[in-house]
Protein backbone atom coordinates (compact mmCIF):
# COMPACT_ATOMS: atom_id res chain seq x y z
CA MET A 1 -136.74 -15.19 25.89
CA PRO A 2 -139.49 -13.76 23.90
CA ASP A 3 -138.70 -11.78 20.45
CA ASP A 4 -140.56 -9.73 18.10
CA SER A 5 -140.94 -13.01 15.26
CA GLY A 6 -142.14 -14.59 18.26
CA VAL A 7 -144.65 -12.18 19.34
CA VAL A 8 -146.42 -11.42 16.00
CA ALA A 9 -146.37 -15.40 15.35
CA GLY A 10 -149.68 -16.33 14.01
CA ASP A 11 -151.22 -13.04 13.56
CA SER A 12 -153.54 -12.48 10.41
CA PRO A 13 -151.62 -11.78 6.96
CA VAL A 14 -150.54 -8.00 6.77
CA THR A 15 -151.79 -5.98 3.63
CA ALA A 16 -148.66 -3.80 2.91
CA THR A 17 -149.17 -0.87 0.57
CA THR A 18 -145.25 -0.95 -1.05
CA GLY A 19 -142.67 -2.65 -2.07
CA ARG A 20 -141.00 -1.46 0.33
CA ALA A 21 -139.30 -4.06 2.69
CA PRO A 22 -139.66 -3.05 6.79
CA VAL A 23 -136.11 -2.00 8.27
CA SER A 24 -135.95 -5.24 10.64
CA LEU A 25 -135.18 -4.61 15.01
CA ALA A 26 -133.50 -7.75 14.90
CA ALA A 27 -130.20 -6.20 14.18
CA GLY A 28 -130.86 -3.82 17.15
CA THR A 29 -132.23 -6.60 19.48
CA ARG A 30 -128.83 -8.66 18.60
CA GLN A 31 -126.82 -5.90 19.30
CA VAL A 32 -128.21 -4.66 22.69
CA THR A 33 -128.41 -8.42 23.63
CA ARG A 34 -124.07 -8.89 23.12
CA ALA A 35 -124.00 -5.38 24.95
CA VAL A 36 -125.75 -6.20 28.46
CA GLY A 37 -125.47 -10.13 27.57
CA PRO A 38 -128.18 -12.51 27.31
CA GLU A 39 -128.76 -13.74 30.82
CA VAL A 40 -129.43 -10.04 31.44
CA VAL A 41 -131.83 -9.84 28.85
CA ARG A 42 -133.56 -13.35 30.22
CA ALA A 43 -133.68 -11.60 33.48
CA LEU A 44 -135.12 -9.00 32.18
CA HIS A 45 -138.34 -10.96 30.85
CA ARG A 46 -139.38 -12.30 33.95
CA GLN A 47 -142.68 -12.39 34.89
CA ASN A 48 -144.04 -12.15 38.55
CA ALA A 49 -147.44 -12.80 38.17
CA VAL A 50 -148.21 -10.97 42.36
CA ALA A 51 -147.32 -7.40 40.73
CA ASP A 52 -149.45 -8.49 37.24
CA VAL A 53 -152.63 -9.17 39.36
CA ALA A 54 -151.89 -6.43 41.81
CA THR A 55 -151.59 -3.64 38.84
CA PHE A 56 -154.54 -5.22 37.12
CA VAL A 57 -157.13 -4.69 40.46
CA ALA A 58 -155.44 -1.06 41.25
CA ILE A 59 -156.00 0.21 37.99
CA TRP A 60 -160.21 -0.88 37.96
CA VAL A 61 -159.88 0.19 42.12
CA ALA A 62 -158.18 3.72 41.06
CA ALA A 63 -160.97 4.43 38.09
CA VAL A 64 -163.88 3.70 40.51
CA ALA A 65 -162.85 5.37 43.27
CA LEU A 66 -161.57 8.25 41.31
CA ALA A 67 -165.37 8.22 39.59
CA ILE A 68 -167.19 8.21 42.49
CA SER A 69 -164.96 11.33 44.35
CA LEU A 70 -165.41 13.19 41.05
CA GLY A 71 -168.80 12.39 41.21
CA HIS A 72 -169.50 13.54 45.00
CA LEU A 73 -166.66 16.52 45.50
CA PRO A 74 -168.25 20.01 45.43
CA LEU A 75 -167.46 21.99 42.62
CA ARG A 76 -166.10 25.28 43.73
CA LEU A 77 -163.43 27.86 43.58
CA ASP A 78 -161.44 26.85 46.66
CA GLY A 79 -159.16 23.32 48.22
CA LEU A 80 -161.89 21.14 46.95
CA GLY A 81 -162.02 22.24 43.61
CA ALA A 82 -158.75 22.11 43.16
CA LEU A 83 -158.60 18.75 44.48
CA TRP A 84 -161.57 18.12 42.00
CA MET A 85 -159.90 18.91 38.91
CA GLY A 86 -156.42 17.36 39.93
CA ALA A 87 -158.93 13.95 40.22
CA PHE A 88 -160.14 14.62 37.48
CA VAL A 89 -157.32 15.31 35.08
CA LEU A 90 -155.97 11.96 36.77
CA GLN A 91 -158.83 10.38 36.22
CA GLY A 92 -158.22 10.47 31.88
CA PHE A 93 -154.89 9.10 32.39
CA VAL A 94 -156.52 5.83 34.53
CA LEU A 95 -158.60 5.35 31.61
CA GLN A 96 -156.15 5.10 29.63
CA LEU A 97 -153.96 2.92 31.76
CA PHE A 98 -156.85 0.40 30.83
CA GLY A 99 -155.53 0.11 27.54
CA ILE A 100 -151.66 0.41 28.07
CA TYR A 101 -151.95 -2.44 30.58
CA ALA A 102 -153.99 -4.78 28.62
CA HIS A 103 -151.09 -3.68 25.92
CA ASP A 104 -148.42 -4.56 27.82
CA ALA A 105 -149.80 -7.86 29.70
CA PHE A 106 -152.28 -9.31 27.92
CA LEU A 107 -151.33 -8.43 24.59
CA HIS A 108 -147.29 -9.08 24.26
CA ARG A 109 -146.86 -11.18 27.35
CA GLN A 110 -150.42 -13.35 27.84
CA VAL A 111 -150.25 -13.37 31.06
CA GLY A 112 -152.27 -16.31 32.06
CA GLY A 113 -152.70 -17.78 28.10
CA ARG A 114 -154.27 -16.88 25.36
CA ARG A 115 -157.80 -17.34 26.33
CA VAL A 116 -157.51 -15.95 29.81
CA SER A 117 -155.46 -12.57 28.22
CA ASP A 118 -157.97 -12.05 25.66
CA ALA A 119 -160.61 -12.01 27.89
CA LEU A 120 -159.02 -9.39 30.49
CA GLY A 121 -158.38 -7.42 27.57
CA LEU A 122 -161.37 -7.23 26.71
CA LEU A 123 -162.03 -5.99 30.60
CA CYS A 124 -159.75 -3.35 29.76
CA PHE A 125 -160.89 -2.07 26.56
CA VAL A 126 -164.81 -2.03 27.18
CA PRO A 127 -164.12 1.19 29.62
CA ILE A 128 -162.36 2.72 27.03
CA THR A 129 -164.91 1.92 24.22
CA SER A 130 -162.53 0.10 22.33
CA THR A 131 -162.46 -3.54 21.13
CA TYR A 132 -159.78 -5.60 22.14
CA THR A 133 -159.29 -8.08 19.06
CA ASP A 134 -159.02 -5.05 16.61
CA TYR A 135 -156.81 -3.46 18.26
CA ARG A 136 -154.23 -6.61 18.99
CA HIS A 137 -154.48 -7.18 15.37
CA LEU A 138 -153.60 -3.65 14.31
CA HIS A 139 -150.40 -3.37 17.12
CA LEU A 140 -148.90 -6.66 16.15
CA VAL A 141 -149.03 -5.44 12.47
CA HIS A 142 -147.66 -2.44 13.79
CA HIS A 143 -144.76 -4.16 15.55
CA ARG A 144 -144.07 -6.38 12.80
CA PHE A 145 -143.82 -3.17 9.97
CA VAL A 146 -143.26 -0.04 12.66
CA ASN A 147 -142.00 2.85 10.59
CA ASN A 148 -143.03 1.48 7.44
CA ASP A 149 -145.83 1.52 4.44
CA GLY A 150 -147.26 -1.37 5.95
CA ASP A 151 -147.33 -0.26 9.75
CA SER A 152 -150.94 -0.33 10.48
CA GLU A 153 -150.10 3.26 12.41
CA VAL A 154 -149.15 4.63 8.77
CA TYR A 155 -152.26 7.16 9.70
CA LYS A 156 -150.10 9.01 12.09
CA GLN A 157 -147.94 10.25 9.37
CA ASP A 158 -150.89 12.54 8.50
CA PHE A 159 -150.03 14.77 11.87
CA ASP A 160 -148.27 17.03 10.46
CA ARG A 161 -150.44 19.78 10.27
CA ARG A 162 -151.02 21.77 13.18
CA TRP A 163 -155.21 21.76 13.21
CA VAL A 164 -154.89 18.20 13.06
CA LYS A 165 -152.63 18.08 15.96
CA ILE A 166 -155.04 20.00 17.86
CA MET A 167 -157.81 18.30 16.62
CA LEU A 168 -156.33 15.08 18.55
CA LEU A 169 -156.72 16.30 21.19
CA THR A 170 -160.66 16.25 21.55
CA VAL A 171 -162.61 12.59 20.73
CA LEU A 172 -163.83 13.79 17.46
CA GLY A 173 -160.23 14.37 16.04
CA VAL A 174 -159.58 11.12 17.62
CA LYS A 175 -162.13 9.20 15.62
CA LEU A 176 -161.56 11.14 12.59
CA SER A 177 -157.84 9.97 12.42
CA TRP A 178 -158.41 6.47 12.88
CA SER A 179 -160.87 6.83 10.27
CA GLY A 180 -158.68 8.25 7.85
CA ARG A 181 -160.46 11.48 7.69
CA PHE A 182 -157.12 13.15 7.34
CA ARG A 183 -155.52 11.58 4.89
CA ARG A 184 -152.90 13.26 2.22
CA ALA A 185 -153.71 12.15 -1.49
CA ASP A 186 -150.29 10.58 -1.42
CA ARG A 187 -150.04 8.98 1.82
CA PRO A 188 -150.27 4.71 1.51
CA ILE A 189 -153.60 3.28 2.84
CA TRP A 190 -153.10 0.56 4.98
CA THR A 191 -155.77 -2.15 5.15
CA PRO A 192 -156.44 -4.94 7.81
CA SER A 193 -157.21 -8.40 6.79
CA TYR A 194 -159.28 -10.15 9.74
CA SER A 195 -159.36 -13.74 9.99
CA PRO A 196 -162.94 -15.26 10.48
CA GLU A 197 -162.19 -16.23 13.70
CA GLU A 198 -161.17 -12.42 14.37
CA ARG A 199 -164.10 -11.12 12.82
CA ARG A 200 -166.66 -13.30 14.95
CA ARG A 201 -164.85 -11.87 18.37
CA LEU A 202 -165.27 -8.38 17.00
CA ARG A 203 -169.06 -9.28 16.89
CA LEU A 204 -169.10 -10.16 19.93
CA GLU A 205 -167.11 -7.60 21.39
CA LEU A 206 -169.47 -4.89 19.89
CA ALA A 207 -172.19 -6.64 21.64
CA GLY A 208 -170.42 -6.32 24.78
CA LEU A 209 -169.67 -3.02 24.34
CA ALA A 210 -173.23 -2.22 23.73
CA LEU A 211 -174.44 -4.20 27.27
CA TRP A 212 -171.52 -1.70 28.82
CA ALA A 213 -173.76 0.95 27.38
CA GLY A 214 -176.35 0.05 28.46
CA GLY A 215 -175.24 -0.41 31.81
CA ILE A 216 -173.71 2.79 32.41
CA ILE A 217 -177.37 4.37 31.42
CA ALA A 218 -178.52 2.28 34.25
CA VAL A 219 -176.25 3.71 36.57
CA ALA A 220 -176.96 6.84 35.39
CA PHE A 221 -180.43 6.71 36.92
CA ILE A 222 -179.27 6.17 39.94
CA ASP A 223 -176.09 8.19 40.43
CA TRP A 224 -175.76 10.52 37.09
CA ARG A 225 -172.91 12.92 38.30
CA THR A 226 -170.48 9.64 39.50
CA VAL A 227 -171.36 8.49 35.19
CA VAL A 228 -170.89 12.17 33.72
CA PHE A 229 -168.12 13.43 36.46
CA GLY A 230 -166.65 10.63 36.68
CA TYR A 231 -166.43 8.58 33.72
CA LEU A 232 -167.93 10.21 30.64
CA LEU A 233 -166.41 13.78 30.82
CA PRO A 234 -162.51 12.48 31.68
CA LEU A 235 -162.56 10.10 28.61
CA GLY A 236 -164.24 12.49 26.40
CA VAL A 237 -162.25 15.42 27.50
CA MET A 238 -158.75 14.23 29.51
CA ALA A 239 -158.17 10.91 27.61
CA PRO A 240 -157.83 12.54 24.40
CA VAL A 241 -155.53 14.85 25.67
CA ALA A 242 -152.97 11.68 27.42
CA SER A 243 -153.59 9.78 24.23
CA THR A 244 -151.57 12.91 22.70
CA LEU A 245 -148.93 13.12 24.74
CA ARG A 246 -148.84 9.17 24.15
CA VAL A 247 -148.40 9.48 20.68
CA ILE A 248 -145.85 12.34 20.98
CA LEU A 249 -143.89 9.99 23.03
CA GLU A 250 -143.79 6.61 21.27
CA HIS A 251 -142.97 7.59 17.48
CA ALA A 252 -143.11 11.48 16.54
CA ASP A 253 -139.02 11.77 16.36
CA VAL A 254 -137.74 8.58 15.27
CA ASP A 255 -135.13 7.58 12.02
CA ARG A 256 -136.83 5.17 9.70
CA SER A 257 -133.56 3.98 8.32
CA GLU A 258 -132.18 3.02 12.31
CA PRO A 259 -133.43 0.29 14.52
CA LEU A 260 -132.42 1.38 17.60
CA HIS A 261 -133.53 4.95 17.13
CA ASN A 262 -137.54 3.12 15.85
CA ALA A 263 -139.36 5.66 18.78
CA THR A 264 -138.96 8.78 20.16
CA PHE A 265 -135.80 8.54 22.58
CA TYR A 266 -137.55 10.97 25.57
CA ARG A 267 -136.02 10.42 29.11
CA THR A 268 -139.10 8.85 31.65
CA GLY A 269 -139.12 10.47 34.50
CA TRP A 270 -140.71 9.49 37.79
CA ILE A 271 -144.01 11.50 36.59
CA SER A 272 -144.29 10.41 33.31
CA GLY A 273 -143.34 6.67 34.17
CA PRO A 274 -146.43 5.77 35.90
CA LEU A 275 -148.83 7.51 34.16
CA PHE A 276 -148.13 5.82 30.73
CA LEU A 277 -146.95 2.65 32.72
CA PHE A 278 -143.72 2.72 31.79
CA GLY A 279 -144.40 2.53 27.95
CA SER A 280 -143.68 5.58 26.47
CA GLY A 281 -140.10 7.83 25.83
CA ASP A 282 -136.94 5.79 25.86
CA CYS A 283 -139.54 2.63 27.55
CA HIS A 284 -141.35 2.96 24.66
CA LEU A 285 -137.67 2.44 22.69
CA VAL A 286 -137.07 -0.63 24.20
CA HIS A 287 -140.28 -1.80 24.07
CA HIS A 288 -140.09 -2.21 20.76
CA LEU A 289 -136.83 -4.25 20.32
CA PHE A 290 -138.06 -6.75 23.33
CA PRO A 291 -141.93 -6.57 22.93
CA ALA A 292 -142.32 -8.88 26.49
CA ILE A 293 -140.49 -6.95 28.72
CA PRO A 294 -142.96 -6.56 31.43
CA PHE A 295 -143.56 -2.77 32.50
CA TYR A 296 -142.16 -3.02 36.05
CA ARG A 297 -138.85 -4.23 34.66
CA MET A 298 -139.00 -1.88 32.10
CA ARG A 299 -137.19 0.79 33.91
CA ARG A 300 -133.96 -1.24 34.77
CA ALA A 301 -133.86 -2.11 31.29
CA THR A 302 -133.89 1.67 29.98
CA LEU A 303 -131.63 1.94 32.67
CA LEU A 304 -128.90 -0.85 30.79
CA ILE A 305 -129.94 0.45 27.89
CA ARG A 306 -129.71 4.06 27.45
CA PRO A 307 -125.93 4.06 27.29
CA ILE A 308 -126.05 2.24 24.20
CA LEU A 309 -128.53 4.31 22.78
CA ARG A 310 -126.27 7.14 23.24
CA ASP A 311 -123.40 5.55 21.85
CA ALA A 312 -125.48 4.93 18.69
CA GLY A 313 -126.23 8.49 18.25
CA VAL A 314 -130.65 8.60 19.01
CA PRO A 315 -130.61 11.75 19.61
CA GLU A 316 -131.99 12.09 23.23
CA HIS A 317 -134.89 14.59 24.56
CA ARG A 318 -134.96 15.52 27.87
CA SER A 319 -137.70 18.31 28.34
CA LEU A 320 -141.15 16.62 28.02
CA ALA A 321 -142.33 20.96 27.55
CA ARG A 322 -139.96 21.43 24.91
CA LEU A 323 -140.78 18.19 23.11
CA VAL A 324 -144.43 18.67 23.09
CA LYS A 325 -143.10 22.46 21.66
CA LEU A 326 -141.50 20.90 19.18
CA TRP A 327 -144.47 19.06 17.70
CA PHE A 328 -147.40 21.36 18.38
CA ILE A 329 -145.93 24.48 18.06
CA ASP A 330 -142.52 24.52 15.79
CA ASN A 331 -145.25 21.67 13.89
CA ARG A 332 -142.11 19.22 13.18
CA ALA A 333 -143.74 16.25 11.45
CA HIS A 334 -144.89 12.66 13.03
CA GLY A 335 -142.78 10.06 12.33
CA THR A 336 -139.45 11.98 10.99
CA ASP A 337 -136.33 12.51 12.05
CA TRP A 338 -135.90 16.16 14.17
CA SER A 339 -131.99 15.77 14.30
CA GLN A 340 -132.10 16.90 10.38
CA THR A 341 -133.64 20.29 11.36
CA ILE A 342 -132.87 20.68 15.23
CA GLY A 343 -129.20 20.48 16.80
CA HIS A 344 -128.53 17.67 18.99
CA GLY A 345 -127.94 20.19 21.70
CA GLN A 346 -131.17 22.08 21.46
CA ARG A 347 -132.52 18.88 22.81
């Protein structure tokens, strides 16, 4: 059964910014394993090659089909116009699924082995204009030091001002947050430490992104509407919105001293589950306890583990609208324990 230490084994050295030791999730993992039973946990980790291949193909087919539809459906104020808007919103979430699926299948589970996973992970990250190797390095560090100063997502502590959160709904805001432009003076700086092999792969992937950009420009000469309305605009307008919702559903409300409250405890539903490939909300909380559980077994995993979380006193959110309101309107600081300021009955 994969565990967190096994998942991050062999990763590059971590540059921690303080002497504070990370809160280990091992205690939470052991507690859950004892409660549901080792055999059940092993069954939850069982992989299904058909489901993995079908999902990879389905995401690509959906993205291409939506792009073509958006490029050729008429833009007008009637039923077809409403259909266009629905497809536009959906395309933003589908494009985000490229990264989410690569995170699940190729980073944590290494479907097909390390080399195959790296190659397919690259194919998933090219459409969202990101480098897989960079993401892999940063994300494994995130798992090792989650919610601590060595966490590669420490920059999200900057999401404690309303104007910053609004900026995250745009491509510019996303890029600025990654570059640390929103950093407060007292916030620790996290510095990546890439191996020579990672640097070599990063150079190759940047060249691949350049080729992808050239290909997109070439296709635009043939069918500019599909490229602009079906790909570039959803990527630039809707994908940041989807990404911000994912950020909220991952680590907005956490207790940094409690391993079982390592992520936002939001009850994932039949809409939010597929939109985020069962990787957010309570699914994300379980994911940090058991990183290698496949997404197609995550719903069963959450049903088994949710009672344990409730018994441990982890506050549960049941309204996505209210969760978003608390983050945006009430401006709750990201990555803090909201139960200190909100009664459990208000969730």
